[in-house]
């Protein structure tokens, strides 16, 4: 319990941020949110109904210096979540993504650096996407590898799995630790790497203890179901709720690490509260791989859908095959470990989805990628 410390949450009206606000309010904090209410995420640019009435919402961009001064007034901690999200979209809206994610963060840090009274704690939302591919091991020859992207010739031949550079046999994915060197493969992941490094460097320089949390695939209620660049579970559900099949790239067996929103926000709070853990990069995932095909099939079964997932057999430029978190460091430093199974988290998501009426924009998003020659 706190003495009503104020936490500023940038991007504070979004999916993750609104759950973080609920979590912090329940533990005695005050929450101030700064959000531009981007219409792609918030239809009509309106305050979402799910945002707790006790949250003080300031509407505007993180690059608004005057608004930032007001937002930072009296703040104890900052959770910097503001970001334009969407790997595919970032590959053709390059300047917009870089402006919103990198330049706006630069303005935010510049304003913060010049204040006499600075926050006591800060965390920045980074992303697993900056890893590129995860770690792999060859079961035949025992070689370990941190591969880059699969060759174009391999993808065009529809051979999806990573191959051992020694014996050319299939590699097995391994948990990915924070020590793996980043290899971002999209503009979005480059942006997230820059956000992470800027916040850690400036936090250290100006003595604002900071942690960078590398989010894996968060899922749960309040995801923007009509936004085709949101999380994969929400995209698939939006399709099914409109009587349409989920669309899967490659063979659908690529795997990701899904963490339920309730557990992710608990980890964010811990990273703010732990005074003995500063200037660290920490994975925030479940440590368990799940294929995107399994996600689509589970959702179809839950909705009782007569249509199943459609495997496109196409690939997207910059896509990775497997990546899931090694949670050893996070468990050791924060004492954080997820307990919720994917099935339990999915039940919460489904209960909320049944109250929604999403508009499916998935076909248009894929056609946009094709128009920019970002599929094959």
Protein backbone atom coordinates (compact mmCIF):
# COMPACT_ATOMS: atom_id res chain seq x y z
CA UNK A 1 0.00 0.00 0.00
CA UNK A 2 1.29 3.47 -0.86
CA UNK A 3 0.61 7.00 0.35
CA UNK A 4 -1.14 7.87 -2.90
CA UNK A 5 1.96 8.19 -5.05
CA UNK A 6 1.22 9.35 -8.59
CA UNK A 7 2.22 7.16 -11.53
CA UNK A 8 2.20 8.70 -14.99
CA UNK A 9 1.29 6.18 -17.68
CA UNK A 10 2.00 7.33 -21.23
CA UNK A 11 -0.24 5.74 -23.82
CA UNK A 12 -2.45 5.52 -20.76
CA UNK A 13 -5.80 4.81 -22.45
CA UNK A 14 -4.57 1.74 -24.29
CA UNK A 15 -5.03 -1.97 -23.73
CA UNK A 16 -2.02 -2.63 -21.48
CA UNK A 17 -2.04 0.80 -19.85
CA UNK A 18 -5.68 0.71 -18.78
CA UNK A 19 -5.15 -2.65 -17.08
CA UNK A 20 -2.05 -1.24 -15.43
CA UNK A 21 -4.14 1.68 -14.18
CA UNK A 22 -6.67 -0.71 -12.61
CA UNK A 23 -3.85 -2.69 -11.00
CA UNK A 24 -2.18 0.42 -9.57
CA UNK A 25 -5.43 1.99 -8.35
CA UNK A 26 -6.28 -1.22 -6.49
CA UNK A 27 -2.98 -0.90 -4.66
CA UNK A 28 -3.44 2.67 -3.54
CA UNK A 29 -1.67 4.62 -6.26
CA UNK A 30 -3.03 7.60 -8.16
CA UNK A 31 -2.82 7.27 -11.93
CA UNK A 32 -2.37 10.01 -14.49
CA UNK A 33 -2.65 9.00 -18.14
CA UNK A 34 -1.27 10.79 -21.18
CA UNK A 35 -2.71 9.57 -24.48
CA UNK A 36 -3.34 11.02 -27.94
CA UNK A 37 -6.47 8.84 -28.38
CA UNK A 38 -5.35 7.74 -31.85
CA UNK A 39 -8.54 6.91 -33.84
CA UNK A 40 -7.06 3.65 -35.18
CA UNK A 41 -7.08 2.40 -31.58
CA UNK A 42 -9.81 4.60 -30.05
CA UNK A 43 -12.70 5.10 -32.51
CA UNK A 44 -13.73 8.72 -32.70
CA UNK A 45 -10.75 9.76 -30.59
CA UNK A 46 -12.87 9.38 -27.45
CA UNK A 47 -11.95 8.36 -23.93
CA UNK A 48 -12.65 4.61 -23.74
CA UNK A 49 -15.41 3.51 -21.40
CA UNK A 50 -13.17 0.90 -19.78
CA UNK A 51 -10.74 3.54 -18.45
CA UNK A 52 -11.43 3.94 -14.74
CA UNK A 53 -13.08 7.27 -13.89
CA UNK A 54 -10.42 7.87 -11.24
CA UNK A 55 -7.69 8.06 -13.91
CA UNK A 56 -6.74 11.65 -14.70
CA UNK A 57 -6.54 11.69 -18.50
CA UNK A 58 -4.50 14.32 -20.35
CA UNK A 59 -5.12 14.18 -24.09
CA UNK A 60 -2.19 14.84 -26.40
CA UNK A 61 1.06 13.48 -27.75
CA UNK A 62 4.18 12.75 -25.76
CA UNK A 63 5.91 15.40 -27.91
CA UNK A 64 3.75 18.21 -26.49
CA UNK A 65 6.26 19.88 -24.16
CA UNK A 66 3.75 22.00 -22.29
CA UNK A 67 1.46 19.05 -21.71
CA UNK A 68 4.43 16.96 -20.59
CA UNK A 69 5.36 19.49 -17.92
CA UNK A 70 1.83 19.26 -16.57
CA UNK A 71 1.82 15.47 -16.83
CA UNK A 72 5.09 15.12 -14.89
CA UNK A 73 4.10 17.48 -12.07
CA UNK A 74 4.26 15.67 -8.72
CA UNK A 75 4.83 12.27 -10.34
CA UNK A 76 6.57 9.50 -8.37
CA UNK A 77 6.91 6.97 -11.20
CA UNK A 78 6.56 6.77 -14.96
CA UNK A 79 5.43 3.82 -17.06
CA UNK A 80 6.33 4.80 -20.62
CA UNK A 81 3.99 2.72 -22.79
CA UNK A 82 3.17 5.24 -25.53
CA UNK A 83 3.92 3.68 -28.90
CA UNK A 84 2.55 3.15 -32.39
CA UNK A 85 2.10 -0.62 -32.53
CA UNK A 86 2.13 -2.92 -35.55
CA UNK A 87 5.05 -4.71 -37.15
CA UNK A 88 3.56 -4.93 -40.63
CA UNK A 89 2.25 -1.37 -40.77
CA UNK A 90 5.60 -0.03 -39.58
CA UNK A 91 7.21 -1.39 -42.74
CA UNK A 92 5.38 1.06 -45.00
CA UNK A 93 4.54 3.91 -42.59
CA UNK A 94 8.20 4.25 -41.74
CA UNK A 95 8.41 7.97 -41.01
CA UNK A 96 5.20 8.04 -38.92
CA UNK A 97 6.26 5.11 -36.74
CA UNK A 98 9.72 6.53 -36.19
CA UNK A 99 8.35 9.96 -35.34
CA UNK A 100 5.77 8.63 -32.86
CA UNK A 101 8.00 6.03 -31.25
CA UNK A 102 11.50 7.48 -31.33
CA UNK A 103 11.23 11.25 -31.80
CA UNK A 104 8.35 11.60 -29.33
CA UNK A 105 10.30 9.56 -26.77
CA UNK A 106 13.29 11.85 -27.35
CA UNK A 107 11.13 14.90 -26.56
CA UNK A 108 9.74 13.18 -23.48
CA UNK A 109 13.23 12.40 -22.18
CA UNK A 110 14.48 15.90 -22.95
CA UNK A 111 11.65 17.46 -20.96
CA UNK A 112 12.20 15.02 -18.10
CA UNK A 113 15.96 15.68 -18.07
CA UNK A 114 15.49 19.43 -17.60
CA UNK A 115 13.13 19.21 -14.67
CA UNK A 116 14.45 19.94 -11.21
CA UNK A 117 12.04 17.44 -9.68
CA UNK A 118 12.35 14.14 -11.47
CA UNK A 119 10.43 10.88 -11.00
CA UNK A 120 11.85 8.39 -8.53
CA UNK A 121 11.29 5.44 -10.90
CA UNK A 122 10.69 4.78 -14.58
CA UNK A 123 10.03 1.78 -16.81
CA UNK A 124 9.85 1.64 -20.58
CA UNK A 125 7.86 -0.88 -22.59
CA UNK A 126 10.25 -2.63 -24.93
CA UNK A 127 9.44 -5.63 -27.12
CA UNK A 128 10.47 -9.20 -27.82
CA UNK A 129 10.44 -8.23 -31.50
CA UNK A 130 13.89 -6.69 -31.15
CA UNK A 131 15.37 -10.18 -30.72
CA UNK A 132 14.42 -11.21 -34.24
CA UNK A 133 14.65 -14.99 -34.18
CA UNK A 134 14.97 -16.67 -30.81
CA UNK A 135 17.71 -19.10 -29.79
CA UNK A 136 17.98 -22.57 -31.35
CA UNK A 137 19.79 -25.84 -30.80
CA UNK A 138 20.43 -28.64 -33.28
CA UNK A 139 19.25 -31.99 -31.86
CA UNK A 140 21.50 -33.88 -34.31
CA UNK A 141 24.89 -32.24 -33.80
CA UNK A 142 24.27 -30.28 -30.60
CA UNK A 143 25.17 -26.90 -32.12
CA UNK A 144 23.65 -23.74 -30.64
CA UNK A 145 22.72 -20.85 -32.90
CA UNK A 146 21.32 -17.33 -32.70
CA UNK A 147 20.29 -17.09 -36.36
CA UNK A 148 19.37 -14.11 -38.41
CA UNK A 149 16.50 -14.16 -40.89
CA UNK A 150 15.77 -17.23 -42.95
CA UNK A 151 17.14 -16.89 -46.50
CA UNK A 152 14.65 -15.68 -49.11
CA UNK A 153 15.32 -18.78 -51.21
CA UNK A 154 14.29 -21.01 -48.30
CA UNK A 155 11.06 -19.08 -47.73
CA UNK A 156 10.18 -19.11 -51.42
CA UNK A 157 10.61 -22.89 -51.33
CA UNK A 158 8.09 -22.97 -48.45
CA UNK A 159 10.62 -24.52 -46.08
CA UNK A 160 9.77 -22.78 -42.86
CA UNK A 161 11.94 -24.17 -40.09
CA UNK A 162 15.42 -22.91 -39.18
CA UNK A 163 18.26 -25.12 -40.46
CA UNK A 164 21.49 -25.93 -38.66
CA UNK A 165 24.47 -24.15 -40.30
CA UNK A 166 26.60 -27.21 -39.52
CA UNK A 167 24.61 -30.26 -40.59
CA UNK A 168 21.63 -28.55 -42.29
CA UNK A 169 19.16 -30.46 -40.15
CA UNK A 170 16.14 -28.77 -38.51
CA UNK A 171 16.88 -26.71 -35.40
CA UNK A 172 14.81 -26.80 -32.19
CA UNK A 173 13.81 -23.47 -30.58
CA UNK A 174 15.16 -22.70 -27.11
CA UNK A 175 14.11 -20.07 -24.53
CA UNK A 176 15.52 -16.65 -25.43
CA UNK A 177 17.41 -14.78 -22.68
CA UNK A 178 18.11 -11.05 -22.45
CA UNK A 179 21.76 -11.73 -23.31
CA UNK A 180 20.85 -12.58 -26.92
CA UNK A 181 22.04 -9.75 -29.12
CA UNK A 182 19.17 -7.78 -30.66
CA UNK A 183 18.50 -8.27 -34.35
CA UNK A 184 15.40 -6.18 -35.10
CA UNK A 185 13.75 -7.10 -38.39
CA UNK A 186 11.07 -4.39 -38.71
CA UNK A 187 10.84 -0.63 -38.30
CA UNK A 188 8.69 -1.22 -35.20
CA UNK A 189 11.31 -3.45 -33.58
CA UNK A 190 14.07 -0.95 -34.43
CA UNK A 191 11.94 1.75 -32.80
CA UNK A 192 11.47 -0.35 -29.66
CA UNK A 193 15.20 -1.02 -29.44
CA UNK A 194 15.82 2.73 -29.69
CA UNK A 195 13.20 3.51 -27.04
CA UNK A 196 14.75 0.95 -24.70
CA UNK A 197 18.31 2.18 -25.13
CA UNK A 198 17.37 5.87 -24.92
CA UNK A 199 15.40 5.45 -21.70
CA UNK A 200 18.08 3.32 -20.02
CA UNK A 201 20.89 5.68 -21.04
CA UNK A 202 19.09 8.88 -20.10
CA UNK A 203 17.66 7.37 -16.93
CA UNK A 204 21.18 6.50 -15.78
CA UNK A 205 22.62 9.87 -16.82
CA UNK A 206 19.94 11.84 -14.97
CA UNK A 207 19.71 9.44 -12.03
CA UNK A 208 16.17 8.24 -12.68
CA UNK A 209 16.30 4.49 -11.92
CA UNK A 210 14.87 2.83 -15.02
CA UNK A 211 14.04 -0.69 -16.23
CA UNK A 212 13.22 -1.82 -19.76
CA UNK A 213 10.69 -4.64 -19.97
CA UNK A 214 10.67 -6.67 -23.15
CA UNK A 215 7.00 -7.57 -23.56
CA UNK A 216 6.18 -10.81 -25.33
CA UNK A 217 2.65 -11.31 -26.74
CA UNK A 218 0.21 -9.77 -24.28
CA UNK A 219 -3.43 -10.80 -24.61
CA UNK A 220 -6.67 -10.21 -22.75
CA UNK A 221 -9.74 -8.02 -22.63
CA UNK A 222 -9.75 -4.50 -24.13
CA UNK A 223 -7.54 -5.25 -27.10
CA UNK A 224 -8.63 -3.16 -30.06
CA UNK A 225 -10.51 -5.83 -32.00
CA UNK A 226 -11.13 -3.60 -35.01
CA UNK A 227 -7.46 -2.66 -35.29
CA UNK A 228 -5.82 -5.16 -37.69
CA UNK A 229 -2.40 -4.41 -36.16
CA UNK A 230 -3.25 -5.47 -32.62
CA UNK A 231 -2.32 -8.83 -31.04
CA UNK A 232 -2.78 -12.04 -32.99
CA UNK A 233 -5.41 -13.49 -30.60
CA UNK A 234 -7.56 -10.38 -30.97
CA UNK A 235 -7.14 -10.32 -34.75
CA UNK A 236 -8.22 -13.96 -35.05
CA UNK A 237 -11.18 -13.44 -32.72
CA UNK A 238 -12.31 -10.39 -34.66
CA UNK A 239 -12.37 -12.47 -37.83
CA UNK A 240 -14.31 -15.32 -36.21
CA UNK A 241 -16.87 -12.93 -34.70
CA UNK A 242 -17.57 -11.70 -38.22
CA UNK A 243 -17.99 -15.27 -39.53
CA UNK A 244 -14.63 -15.25 -41.30
CA UNK A 245 -11.66 -17.56 -41.02
CA UNK A 246 -8.46 -16.45 -39.27
CA UNK A 247 -5.66 -15.98 -41.81
CA UNK A 248 -2.33 -17.61 -40.98
CA UNK A 249 0.98 -16.96 -42.69
CA UNK A 250 3.47 -19.75 -43.45
CA UNK A 251 2.07 -23.07 -42.14
CA UNK A 252 0.70 -21.63 -38.89
CA UNK A 253 3.19 -23.56 -36.77
CA UNK A 254 5.37 -20.57 -35.95
CA UNK A 255 5.32 -20.10 -32.18
CA UNK A 256 5.03 -17.14 -29.85
CA UNK A 257 4.99 -16.57 -26.10
CA UNK A 258 1.60 -15.39 -24.78
CA UNK A 259 1.30 -13.63 -21.42
CA UNK A 260 -2.07 -12.65 -19.99
CA UNK A 261 -2.53 -8.95 -19.34
CA UNK A 262 -3.26 -9.42 -15.62
CA UNK A 263 0.16 -11.00 -15.10
CA UNK A 264 1.99 -8.55 -17.33
CA UNK A 265 0.79 -5.50 -15.39
CA UNK A 266 1.79 -7.14 -12.10
CA UNK A 267 5.30 -7.45 -13.53
CA UNK A 268 5.30 -3.78 -14.56
CA UNK A 269 4.36 -2.73 -11.04
CA UNK A 270 7.11 -4.87 -9.53
CA UNK A 271 9.68 -3.29 -11.85
CA UNK A 272 8.64 0.15 -10.58
CA UNK A 273 8.60 -0.77 -6.92
CA UNK A 274 11.83 -2.75 -6.62
CA UNK A 275 14.43 -0.16 -5.67
CA UNK A 276 17.20 -2.79 -5.82
CA UNK A 277 16.56 -3.53 -9.51
CA UNK A 278 17.53 -0.66 -11.81
CA UNK A 279 18.89 -0.16 -15.35
CA UNK A 280 18.00 -3.73 -16.30
CA UNK A 281 16.42 -5.25 -19.38
CA UNK A 282 13.94 -7.95 -18.38
CA UNK A 283 11.80 -10.38 -20.35
CA UNK A 284 8.07 -10.29 -19.65
CA UNK A 285 6.53 -13.48 -20.98
CA UNK A 286 5.24 -16.84 -19.83
CA UNK A 287 8.25 -18.85 -20.96
CA UNK A 288 5.93 -21.19 -22.91
CA UNK A 289 5.71 -21.38 -26.72
CA UNK A 290 2.30 -21.66 -28.41
CA UNK A 291 1.77 -21.95 -32.16
CA UNK A 292 -0.42 -19.39 -33.88
CA UNK A 293 -2.39 -22.30 -35.39
CA UNK A 294 -3.17 -23.57 -31.87
CA UNK A 295 -4.42 -20.09 -30.94
CA UNK A 296 -6.68 -19.90 -34.00
CA UNK A 297 -8.05 -23.41 -33.43
CA UNK A 298 -8.73 -22.75 -29.74
CA UNK A 299 -10.63 -19.58 -30.57
CA UNK A 300 -12.64 -21.27 -33.34
CA UNK A 301 -13.60 -24.08 -30.96
CA UNK A 302 -14.55 -21.64 -28.21
CA UNK A 303 -16.81 -19.65 -30.53
CA UNK A 304 -18.32 -22.84 -31.98
CA UNK A 305 -17.33 -21.49 -35.38
CA UNK A 306 -18.16 -23.38 -38.56
CA UNK A 307 -15.08 -21.86 -40.23
CA UNK A 308 -11.56 -22.84 -39.27
CA UNK A 309 -8.25 -21.07 -39.75
CA UNK A 310 -6.99 -20.62 -43.30
CA UNK A 311 -3.28 -21.29 -43.82
CA UNK A 312 -2.09 -18.92 -46.55
CA UNK A 313 1.29 -20.53 -47.23
CA UNK A 314 2.69 -17.01 -47.71
CA UNK A 315 5.40 -15.32 -45.68
CA UNK A 316 5.81 -11.74 -44.56
CA UNK A 317 9.09 -9.88 -44.86
CA UNK A 318 10.88 -9.73 -41.52
CA UNK A 319 8.75 -12.40 -39.82
CA UNK A 320 10.47 -14.72 -37.39
CA UNK A 321 9.71 -18.39 -36.84
CA UNK A 322 10.01 -19.02 -33.10
CA UNK A 323 10.69 -16.87 -30.07
CA UNK A 324 9.73 -17.44 -26.44
CA UNK A 325 11.09 -16.01 -23.23
CA UNK A 326 13.77 -17.30 -20.92
CA UNK A 327 12.35 -15.95 -17.66
CA UNK A 328 15.32 -16.89 -15.44
CA UNK A 329 16.61 -13.33 -14.98
CA UNK A 330 13.16 -11.83 -14.36
CA UNK A 331 12.32 -14.50 -11.81
CA UNK A 332 15.65 -13.98 -10.03
CA UNK A 333 15.58 -10.19 -9.90
CA UNK A 334 11.87 -9.45 -9.51
CA UNK A 335 10.57 -12.70 -8.05
CA UNK A 336 8.10 -12.64 -10.94
CA UNK A 337 6.70 -15.83 -12.43
CA UNK A 338 3.49 -16.34 -14.37
CA UNK A 339 0.95 -18.85 -13.11
CA UNK A 340 -1.95 -18.54 -15.54
CA UNK A 341 -2.22 -21.06 -18.37
CA UNK A 342 -2.99 -19.93 -21.90
CA UNK A 343 -6.41 -21.63 -21.65
CA UNK A 344 -7.25 -19.71 -18.46
CA UNK A 345 -6.24 -16.41 -20.04
CA UNK A 346 -8.20 -17.21 -23.16
CA UNK A 347 -11.36 -17.77 -21.11
CA UNK A 348 -11.11 -14.20 -19.75
CA UNK A 349 -10.54 -12.81 -23.23
CA UNK A 350 -13.48 -14.74 -24.68
CA UNK A 351 -15.88 -13.62 -21.97
CA UNK A 352 -15.11 -10.00 -22.84
CA UNK A 353 -15.14 -10.56 -26.60
CA UNK A 354 -18.71 -11.82 -26.48
CA UNK A 355 -19.75 -8.31 -25.40
CA UNK A 356 -18.07 -6.68 -28.41
CA UNK A 357 -19.01 -6.04 -32.04
CA UNK A 358 -15.72 -5.68 -33.92
CA UNK A 359 -15.28 -4.59 -37.50
CA UNK A 360 -13.00 -6.96 -39.41
CA UNK A 361 -10.26 -5.14 -41.33
CA UNK A 362 -7.87 -8.06 -41.66
CA UNK A 363 -8.20 -8.51 -45.44
CA UNK A 364 -7.41 -4.84 -46.06
CA UNK A 365 -4.33 -5.04 -43.84
CA UNK A 366 -2.98 -8.08 -45.71
CA UNK A 367 -3.71 -6.49 -49.09
CA UNK A 368 -1.76 -3.42 -47.97
CA UNK A 369 1.24 -5.64 -47.20
CA UNK A 370 0.91 -7.29 -50.61
CA UNK A 371 0.66 -3.90 -52.33
CA UNK A 372 3.98 -2.94 -50.76
CA UNK A 373 5.55 -6.28 -51.80
CA UNK A 374 5.99 -7.32 -48.16
CA UNK A 375 4.62 -10.82 -48.61
CA UNK A 376 5.83 -13.75 -50.69
